[in-house]
Amino acid sequence: MDKKKILKAVQAELEEELRRQLAANETASAGATHGEAKAETKWDTCGLEQSYLARGHAKQFEALAMQVEELRGFVPSDFLGKPIGVGALVQARMSGEPLFFFLLKCGGGVEVQNDGAEVTVITPESPVGAALLDKKQGEAYSFRAGMEGTIITVE
């Protein structure tokens, strides 16, 4: 599998999420400043709630924008024969099913297709990421009571 191609697909997914968050922020901001959002009584908090929502979207957008920028400059290393670390592409087997994980500092949970297989981004802080970190090809790993797997390949 081509890690650079996978990384570009992950970046595209995160950039699309940035667009969605920006649109949500604009909608919440418009709701907060709309003329009908003006409080008619001291108990009317619709405008205030919209402004809190807009601020939350803005914070999420900032954090995600920093992650996307970090990924743009990231060049994954080769992990053949080395312990798993950030930038490793891992094929594992759990319950007889082959799984592909791409260990990155951010973007956990993003799933992309590559060469007909689904690749899931995990972070070192995730349960699977923590279980795989510093392991090598052929080793077993476990996480959460009873979840076990075997590392098939590490790129």
N, C-alpha and C. Protein backbone atom coordinates (compact mmCIF):
# COMPACT_ATOMS: atom_id res chain seq x y z
N MET A 1 0.84 -1.19 0.00
CA MET A 1 0.00 0.00 0.00
C MET A 1 0.88 1.25 0.00
N ASP A 2 0.39 2.28 -0.63
CA ASP A 2 1.13 3.53 -0.74
C ASP A 2 0.73 4.47 0.40
N LYS A 3 1.62 4.65 1.38
CA LYS A 3 1.31 5.49 2.55
C LYS A 3 1.06 6.94 2.16
N LYS A 4 1.78 7.44 1.17
CA LYS A 4 1.58 8.83 0.75
C LYS A 4 0.18 9.02 0.18
N LYS A 5 -0.28 8.05 -0.58
CA LYS A 5 -1.62 8.09 -1.14
C LYS A 5 -2.68 8.05 -0.03
N ILE A 6 -2.45 7.20 0.96
CA ILE A 6 -3.37 7.10 2.09
C ILE A 6 -3.37 8.41 2.87
N LEU A 7 -2.20 8.98 3.09
CA LEU A 7 -2.09 10.25 3.82
C LEU A 7 -2.86 11.35 3.09
N LYS A 8 -2.76 11.41 1.77
CA LYS A 8 -3.50 12.41 1.00
C LYS A 8 -5.01 12.21 1.14
N ALA A 9 -5.45 10.96 1.15
CA ALA A 9 -6.88 10.66 1.33
C ALA A 9 -7.35 11.09 2.72
N VAL A 10 -6.53 10.87 3.73
CA VAL A 10 -6.86 11.30 5.10
C VAL A 10 -6.95 12.82 5.15
N GLN A 11 -5.99 13.51 4.52
CA GLN A 11 -6.01 14.97 4.48
C GLN A 11 -7.29 15.46 3.80
N ALA A 12 -7.68 14.83 2.70
CA ALA A 12 -8.90 15.22 1.99
C ALA A 12 -10.13 15.06 2.88
N GLU A 13 -10.19 13.97 3.64
CA GLU A 13 -11.32 13.75 4.57
C GLU A 13 -11.36 14.84 5.64
N LEU A 14 -10.20 15.16 6.20
CA LEU A 14 -10.16 16.18 7.25
C LEU A 14 -10.47 17.57 6.69
N GLU A 15 -10.05 17.85 5.46
CA GLU A 15 -10.37 19.14 4.84
C GLU A 15 -11.87 19.26 4.59
N GLU A 16 -12.50 18.14 4.22
CA GLU A 16 -13.97 18.15 4.04
C GLU A 16 -14.65 18.41 5.38
N GLU A 17 -14.13 17.82 6.44
CA GLU A 17 -14.68 18.07 7.78
C GLU A 17 -14.50 19.55 8.15
N LEU A 18 -13.38 20.15 7.75
CA LEU A 18 -13.18 21.59 7.98
C LEU A 18 -14.27 22.40 7.30
N ARG A 19 -14.60 22.04 6.07
CA ARG A 19 -15.66 22.76 5.34
C ARG A 19 -17.00 22.62 6.06
N ARG A 20 -17.30 21.42 6.55
CA ARG A 20 -18.56 21.21 7.27
C ARG A 20 -18.60 22.04 8.56
N GLN A 21 -17.48 22.07 9.28
CA GLN A 21 -17.44 22.84 10.52
C GLN A 21 -17.56 24.33 10.26
N LEU A 22 -16.95 24.80 9.18
CA LEU A 22 -17.05 26.22 8.83
C LEU A 22 -18.50 26.58 8.52
N ALA A 23 -19.18 25.74 7.76
CA ALA A 23 -20.58 25.98 7.44
C ALA A 23 -21.44 25.99 8.70
N ALA A 24 -21.18 25.05 9.62
CA ALA A 24 -21.94 24.99 10.88
C ALA A 24 -21.69 26.25 11.70
N ASN A 25 -20.45 26.72 11.72
CA ASN A 25 -20.12 27.94 12.46
C ASN A 25 -20.84 29.14 11.86
N GLU A 26 -20.84 29.22 10.54
CA GLU A 26 -21.52 30.34 9.89
C GLU A 26 -23.01 30.33 10.19
N THR A 27 -23.62 29.16 10.18
CA THR A 27 -25.05 29.04 10.49
C THR A 27 -25.33 29.48 11.93
N ALA A 28 -24.52 29.01 12.87
CA ALA A 28 -24.71 29.37 14.28
C ALA A 28 -24.45 30.86 14.49
N SER A 29 -23.45 31.41 13.83
CA SER A 29 -23.15 32.85 13.97
C SER A 29 -24.29 33.69 13.42
N ALA A 30 -24.84 33.27 12.28
CA ALA A 30 -25.96 34.00 11.70
C ALA A 30 -27.17 33.95 12.63
N GLY A 31 -27.38 32.80 13.25
CA GLY A 31 -28.49 32.68 14.20
C GLY A 31 -28.31 33.55 15.43
N ALA A 32 -27.07 33.72 15.85
CA ALA A 32 -26.78 34.51 17.05
C ALA A 32 -26.98 35.99 16.79
N THR A 33 -26.75 36.43 15.57
CA THR A 33 -26.82 37.87 15.27
C THR A 33 -28.09 38.27 14.52
N HIS A 34 -28.93 37.30 14.21
CA HIS A 34 -30.17 37.59 13.49
C HIS A 34 -31.08 38.45 14.35
N GLY A 35 -31.85 39.29 13.74
CA GLY A 35 -32.75 40.20 14.45
C GLY A 35 -33.75 39.47 15.33
N GLU A 36 -34.19 38.30 14.90
CA GLU A 36 -35.16 37.54 15.69
C GLU A 36 -34.51 36.86 16.89
N ALA A 37 -33.18 36.86 16.96
CA ALA A 37 -32.49 36.23 18.09
C ALA A 37 -32.42 37.17 19.29
N LYS A 38 -32.81 38.41 19.10
CA LYS A 38 -32.76 39.37 20.21
C LYS A 38 -33.73 38.93 21.31
N ALA A 39 -33.21 38.94 22.53
CA ALA A 39 -34.00 38.49 23.68
C ALA A 39 -35.20 39.41 23.89
N GLU A 40 -36.38 38.81 24.03
CA GLU A 40 -37.59 39.57 24.31
C GLU A 40 -37.86 39.64 25.80
N THR A 41 -37.35 38.66 26.54
CA THR A 41 -37.47 38.65 28.00
C THR A 41 -36.13 38.21 28.57
N LYS A 42 -35.98 38.33 29.88
CA LYS A 42 -34.71 37.92 30.48
C LYS A 42 -34.52 36.40 30.43
N TRP A 43 -35.58 35.66 30.17
CA TRP A 43 -35.49 34.20 30.08
C TRP A 43 -35.26 33.72 28.65
N ASP A 44 -35.31 34.60 27.71
CA ASP A 44 -35.12 34.25 26.30
C ASP A 44 -33.61 34.21 26.01
N THR A 45 -33.06 33.02 25.85
CA THR A 45 -31.60 32.88 25.68
C THR A 45 -31.20 32.30 24.33
N CYS A 46 -32.11 32.33 23.36
CA CYS A 46 -31.84 31.73 22.06
C CYS A 46 -30.58 32.32 21.41
N GLY A 47 -30.46 33.63 21.38
CA GLY A 47 -29.29 34.27 20.78
C GLY A 47 -28.01 33.92 21.51
N LEU A 48 -28.08 33.89 22.84
CA LEU A 48 -26.92 33.55 23.66
C LEU A 48 -26.48 32.11 23.39
N GLU A 49 -27.45 31.20 23.30
CA GLU A 49 -27.14 29.80 23.03
C GLU A 49 -26.50 29.65 21.65
N GLN A 50 -26.99 30.38 20.66
CA GLN A 50 -26.41 30.33 19.33
C GLN A 50 -24.98 30.85 19.34
N SER A 51 -24.71 31.88 20.15
CA SER A 51 -23.34 32.41 20.21
C SER A 51 -22.40 31.40 20.87
N TYR A 52 -22.87 30.69 21.89
CA TYR A 52 -22.05 29.64 22.50
C TYR A 52 -21.76 28.53 21.49
N LEU A 53 -22.78 28.17 20.73
CA LEU A 53 -22.63 27.14 19.71
C LEU A 53 -21.61 27.57 18.65
N ALA A 54 -21.71 28.82 18.22
CA ALA A 54 -20.77 29.34 17.22
C ALA A 54 -19.34 29.31 17.75
N ARG A 55 -19.17 29.67 19.01
CA ARG A 55 -17.83 29.66 19.62
C ARG A 55 -17.28 28.23 19.69
N GLY A 56 -18.13 27.28 20.03
CA GLY A 56 -17.70 25.88 20.07
C GLY A 56 -17.26 25.38 18.71
N HIS A 57 -18.03 25.73 17.68
CA HIS A 57 -17.65 25.35 16.31
C HIS A 57 -16.32 26.00 15.92
N ALA A 58 -16.14 27.25 16.31
CA ALA A 58 -14.89 27.96 15.97
C ALA A 58 -13.68 27.28 16.62
N LYS A 59 -13.83 26.86 17.88
CA LYS A 59 -12.72 26.17 18.56
C LYS A 59 -12.40 24.84 17.90
N GLN A 60 -13.43 24.08 17.53
CA GLN A 60 -13.21 22.81 16.85
C GLN A 60 -12.53 23.04 15.50
N PHE A 61 -12.97 24.08 14.80
CA PHE A 61 -12.39 24.40 13.49
C PHE A 61 -10.90 24.72 13.64
N GLU A 62 -10.55 25.54 14.64
CA GLU A 62 -9.15 25.90 14.86
C GLU A 62 -8.29 24.67 15.13
N ALA A 63 -8.77 23.79 15.99
CA ALA A 63 -8.01 22.59 16.34
C ALA A 63 -7.83 21.69 15.11
N LEU A 64 -8.88 21.50 14.34
CA LEU A 64 -8.80 20.66 13.16
C LEU A 64 -7.91 21.29 12.09
N ALA A 65 -7.97 22.60 11.94
CA ALA A 65 -7.12 23.29 10.96
C ALA A 65 -5.64 23.09 11.31
N MET A 66 -5.31 23.13 12.58
CA MET A 66 -3.92 22.89 13.00
C MET A 66 -3.50 21.46 12.68
N GLN A 67 -4.41 20.50 12.88
CA GLN A 67 -4.10 19.10 12.58
C GLN A 67 -3.87 18.90 11.08
N VAL A 68 -4.71 19.52 10.26
CA VAL A 68 -4.57 19.40 8.81
C VAL A 68 -3.24 19.99 8.37
N GLU A 69 -2.89 21.14 8.93
CA GLU A 69 -1.62 21.77 8.59
C GLU A 69 -0.44 20.89 8.99
N GLU A 70 -0.54 20.26 10.15
CA GLU A 70 0.52 19.35 10.61
C GLU A 70 0.67 18.17 9.66
N LEU A 71 -0.45 17.62 9.19
CA LEU A 71 -0.39 16.48 8.27
C LEU A 71 0.19 16.87 6.91
N ARG A 72 -0.02 18.11 6.49
CA ARG A 72 0.50 18.55 5.19
C ARG A 72 2.03 18.46 5.15
N GLY A 73 2.67 18.68 6.28
CA GLY A 73 4.13 18.63 6.32
C GLY A 73 4.70 17.30 6.77
N PHE A 74 3.83 16.33 7.05
CA PHE A 74 4.28 15.04 7.58
C PHE A 74 4.72 14.11 6.46
N VAL A 75 5.88 13.49 6.63
CA VAL A 75 6.38 12.49 5.69
C VAL A 75 6.55 11.19 6.48
N PRO A 76 5.72 10.18 6.18
CA PRO A 76 5.82 8.93 6.93
C PRO A 76 7.11 8.18 6.64
N SER A 77 7.71 7.64 7.68
CA SER A 77 8.94 6.85 7.56
C SER A 77 8.61 5.41 7.18
N ASP A 78 9.65 4.66 6.86
CA ASP A 78 9.52 3.24 6.59
C ASP A 78 9.72 2.50 7.91
N PHE A 79 8.83 1.58 8.22
CA PHE A 79 8.90 0.85 9.49
C PHE A 79 9.21 -0.63 9.30
N LEU A 80 9.67 -1.03 8.12
CA LEU A 80 10.02 -2.43 7.89
C LEU A 80 11.09 -2.87 8.89
N GLY A 81 10.77 -3.86 9.70
CA GLY A 81 11.71 -4.39 10.68
C GLY A 81 11.89 -3.52 11.91
N LYS A 82 11.16 -2.45 12.01
CA LYS A 82 11.27 -1.53 13.15
C LYS A 82 10.02 -1.60 14.01
N PRO A 83 10.12 -1.14 15.26
CA PRO A 83 8.93 -1.07 16.11
C PRO A 83 7.93 -0.06 15.55
N ILE A 84 6.66 -0.32 15.77
CA ILE A 84 5.58 0.55 15.29
C ILE A 84 5.66 1.91 15.98
N GLY A 85 5.54 2.94 15.18
CA GLY A 85 5.52 4.32 15.67
C GLY A 85 4.63 5.16 14.78
N VAL A 86 4.59 6.46 15.03
CA VAL A 86 3.76 7.36 14.25
C VAL A 86 4.24 7.34 12.80
N GLY A 87 3.32 7.07 11.89
CA GLY A 87 3.63 6.96 10.47
C GLY A 87 3.63 5.53 9.97
N ALA A 88 3.44 4.58 10.87
CA ALA A 88 3.44 3.16 10.48
C ALA A 88 2.08 2.76 9.91
N LEU A 89 2.13 1.95 8.88
CA LEU A 89 0.94 1.32 8.32
C LEU A 89 0.98 -0.13 8.76
N VAL A 90 -0.05 -0.55 9.48
CA VAL A 90 -0.05 -1.87 10.11
C VAL A 90 -1.21 -2.70 9.58
N GLN A 91 -0.89 -3.91 9.15
CA GLN A 91 -1.94 -4.88 8.85
C GLN A 91 -1.97 -5.83 10.04
N ALA A 92 -3.14 -5.99 10.61
CA ALA A 92 -3.31 -6.86 11.78
C ALA A 92 -4.47 -7.82 11.52
N ARG A 93 -4.56 -8.79 12.37
CA ARG A 93 -5.68 -9.74 12.29
C ARG A 93 -6.31 -9.82 13.68
N MET A 94 -7.64 -9.61 13.70
CA MET A 94 -8.41 -9.76 14.94
C MET A 94 -9.64 -10.59 14.61
N SER A 95 -9.91 -11.58 15.41
CA SER A 95 -11.07 -12.46 15.20
C SER A 95 -11.12 -13.00 13.77
N GLY A 96 -9.94 -13.28 13.21
CA GLY A 96 -9.87 -13.83 11.87
C GLY A 96 -10.01 -12.81 10.75
N GLU A 97 -10.28 -11.56 11.08
CA GLU A 97 -10.47 -10.52 10.08
C GLU A 97 -9.20 -9.69 9.92
N PRO A 98 -8.78 -9.44 8.66
CA PRO A 98 -7.63 -8.55 8.46
C PRO A 98 -8.06 -7.09 8.62
N LEU A 99 -7.26 -6.32 9.30
CA LEU A 99 -7.52 -4.89 9.53
C LEU A 99 -6.28 -4.10 9.16
N PHE A 100 -6.49 -2.90 8.64
CA PHE A 100 -5.38 -2.01 8.32
C PHE A 100 -5.50 -0.75 9.17
N PHE A 101 -4.40 -0.40 9.85
CA PHE A 101 -4.34 0.80 10.68
C PHE A 101 -3.19 1.68 10.21
N PHE A 102 -3.43 2.98 10.21
CA PHE A 102 -2.40 3.96 9.90
C PHE A 102 -2.25 4.81 11.15
N LEU A 103 -1.11 4.71 11.81
CA LEU A 103 -0.87 5.41 13.08
C LEU A 103 -0.38 6.83 12.80
N LEU A 104 -1.21 7.82 13.17
CA LEU A 104 -0.88 9.23 12.98
C LEU A 104 -1.12 9.99 14.28
N LYS A 105 -0.54 11.18 14.38
CA LYS A 105 -0.73 12.01 15.58
C LYS A 105 -2.14 12.56 15.69
N CYS A 106 -2.85 12.65 14.57
CA CYS A 106 -4.20 13.21 14.56
C CYS A 106 -5.04 12.50 13.51
N GLY A 107 -6.32 12.79 13.52
CA GLY A 107 -7.21 12.19 12.52
C GLY A 107 -7.77 10.85 12.92
N GLY A 108 -7.64 10.50 14.18
CA GLY A 108 -8.14 9.21 14.65
C GLY A 108 -9.59 8.98 14.28
N GLY A 109 -9.88 7.79 13.78
CA GLY A 109 -11.25 7.43 13.42
C GLY A 109 -11.56 7.63 11.94
N VAL A 110 -10.73 8.39 11.23
CA VAL A 110 -10.95 8.58 9.81
C VAL A 110 -10.70 7.26 9.10
N GLU A 111 -11.59 6.91 8.19
CA GLU A 111 -11.45 5.67 7.42
C GLU A 111 -11.39 6.03 5.94
N VAL A 112 -10.39 5.48 5.25
CA VAL A 112 -10.23 5.72 3.81
C VAL A 112 -10.03 4.39 3.10
N GLN A 113 -10.35 4.37 1.82
CA GLN A 113 -10.17 3.19 0.99
C GLN A 113 -8.83 3.27 0.27
N ASN A 114 -8.10 2.15 0.22
CA ASN A 114 -6.85 2.10 -0.52
C ASN A 114 -6.65 0.68 -1.03
N ASP A 115 -6.45 0.54 -2.31
CA ASP A 115 -6.24 -0.77 -2.93
C ASP A 115 -7.32 -1.77 -2.54
N GLY A 116 -8.57 -1.30 -2.46
CA GLY A 116 -9.68 -2.18 -2.14
C GLY A 116 -9.82 -2.54 -0.67
N ALA A 117 -9.01 -1.93 0.17
CA ALA A 117 -9.09 -2.21 1.61
C ALA A 117 -9.40 -0.93 2.38
N GLU A 118 -10.07 -1.10 3.50
CA GLU A 118 -10.36 0.04 4.36
C GLU A 118 -9.21 0.23 5.34
N VAL A 119 -8.70 1.45 5.41
CA VAL A 119 -7.61 1.79 6.32
C VAL A 119 -8.17 2.75 7.36
N THR A 120 -7.99 2.42 8.63
CA THR A 120 -8.47 3.26 9.72
C THR A 120 -7.30 3.99 10.37
N VAL A 121 -7.46 5.30 10.52
CA VAL A 121 -6.44 6.10 11.20
C VAL A 121 -6.62 5.93 12.70
N ILE A 122 -5.53 5.64 13.38
CA ILE A 122 -5.53 5.56 14.84
C ILE A 122 -4.44 6.49 15.36
N THR A 123 -4.57 6.90 16.59
CA THR A 123 -3.57 7.76 17.22
C THR A 123 -2.91 6.98 18.36
N PRO A 124 -1.73 7.42 18.80
CA PRO A 124 -1.06 6.73 19.91
C PRO A 124 -1.89 6.72 21.20
N GLU A 125 -2.80 7.68 21.34
CA GLU A 125 -3.63 7.76 22.55
C GLU A 125 -4.83 6.83 22.51
N SER A 126 -5.19 6.33 21.32
CA SER A 126 -6.33 5.43 21.22
C SER A 126 -5.98 4.06 21.82
N PRO A 127 -6.97 3.29 22.23
CA PRO A 127 -6.68 1.97 22.80
C PRO A 127 -5.88 1.07 21.84
N VAL A 128 -6.27 1.03 20.57
CA VAL A 128 -5.55 0.19 19.61
C VAL A 128 -4.16 0.76 19.36
N GLY A 129 -4.07 2.07 19.20
CA GLY A 129 -2.77 2.71 18.97
C GLY A 129 -1.80 2.44 20.10
N ALA A 130 -2.27 2.58 21.33
CA ALA A 130 -1.41 2.32 22.49
C ALA A 130 -0.99 0.86 22.54
N ALA A 131 -1.89 -0.05 22.14
CA ALA A 131 -1.56 -1.48 22.16
C ALA A 131 -0.53 -1.84 21.08
N LEU A 132 -0.58 -1.15 19.94
CA LEU A 132 0.34 -1.46 18.84
C LEU A 132 1.70 -0.76 18.97
N LEU A 133 1.73 0.36 19.63
CA LEU A 133 2.95 1.17 19.72
C LEU A 133 4.13 0.34 20.23
N ASP A 134 5.24 0.44 19.53
CA ASP A 134 6.50 -0.23 19.85
C ASP A 134 6.49 -1.75 19.65
N LYS A 135 5.41 -2.29 19.09
CA LYS A 135 5.39 -3.72 18.77
C LYS A 135 5.98 -3.90 17.37
N LYS A 136 6.29 -5.17 17.02
CA LYS A 136 6.87 -5.49 15.71
C LYS A 136 6.02 -6.52 14.99
N GLN A 137 6.28 -6.68 13.70
CA GLN A 137 5.60 -7.65 12.88
C GLN A 137 5.67 -9.03 13.53
N GLY A 138 4.54 -9.74 13.54
CA GLY A 138 4.48 -11.09 14.10
C GLY A 138 4.09 -11.12 15.56
N GLU A 139 4.14 -9.99 16.24
CA GLU A 139 3.80 -9.96 17.67
C GLU A 139 2.29 -9.89 17.87
N ALA A 140 1.86 -10.35 19.02
CA ALA A 140 0.46 -10.25 19.42
C ALA A 140 0.26 -8.95 20.20
N TYR A 141 -0.97 -8.47 20.19
CA TYR A 141 -1.31 -7.28 20.97
C TYR A 141 -2.69 -7.48 21.58
N SER A 142 -2.96 -6.76 22.63
CA SER A 142 -4.28 -6.84 23.26
C SER A 142 -4.64 -5.48 23.83
N PHE A 143 -5.92 -5.25 23.93
CA PHE A 143 -6.45 -4.03 24.52
C PHE A 143 -7.86 -4.31 25.00
N ARG A 144 -8.36 -3.47 25.85
CA ARG A 144 -9.69 -3.66 26.42
C ARG A 144 -9.95 -5.14 26.72
N ALA A 145 -10.23 -5.44 27.88
CA ALA A 145 -10.42 -6.81 28.36
C ALA A 145 -10.77 -7.81 27.28
N GLY A 146 -9.79 -8.59 26.89
CA GLY A 146 -10.05 -9.71 25.99
C GLY A 146 -9.90 -9.45 24.51
N MET A 147 -9.73 -8.22 24.06
CA MET A 147 -9.54 -7.95 22.63
C MET A 147 -8.09 -8.22 22.27
N GLU A 148 -7.87 -9.20 21.38
CA GLU A 148 -6.52 -9.60 21.02
C GLU A 148 -6.37 -9.68 19.51
N GLY A 149 -5.15 -9.49 19.06
CA GLY A 149 -4.87 -9.57 17.63
C GLY A 149 -3.41 -9.89 17.40
N THR A 150 -3.06 -10.09 16.13
CA THR A 150 -1.70 -10.36 15.72
C THR A 150 -1.30 -9.38 14.63
N ILE A 151 -0.10 -8.88 14.72
CA ILE A 151 0.41 -7.95 13.71
C ILE A 151 0.95 -8.77 12.54
N ILE A 152 0.39 -8.55 11.36
CA ILE A 152 0.81 -9.31 10.19
C ILE A 152 1.96 -8.61 9.48
N THR A 153 1.77 -7.34 9.14
CA THR A 153 2.84 -6.59 8.48
C THR A 153 2.92 -5.18 9.06
N VAL A 154 4.11 -4.59 8.95
CA VAL A 154 4.34 -3.21 9.37
C VAL A 154 5.14 -2.54 8.25
N GLU A 155 4.60 -1.46 7.73
CA GLU A 155 5.30 -0.72 6.66
C GLU A 155 5.65 0.66 7.18
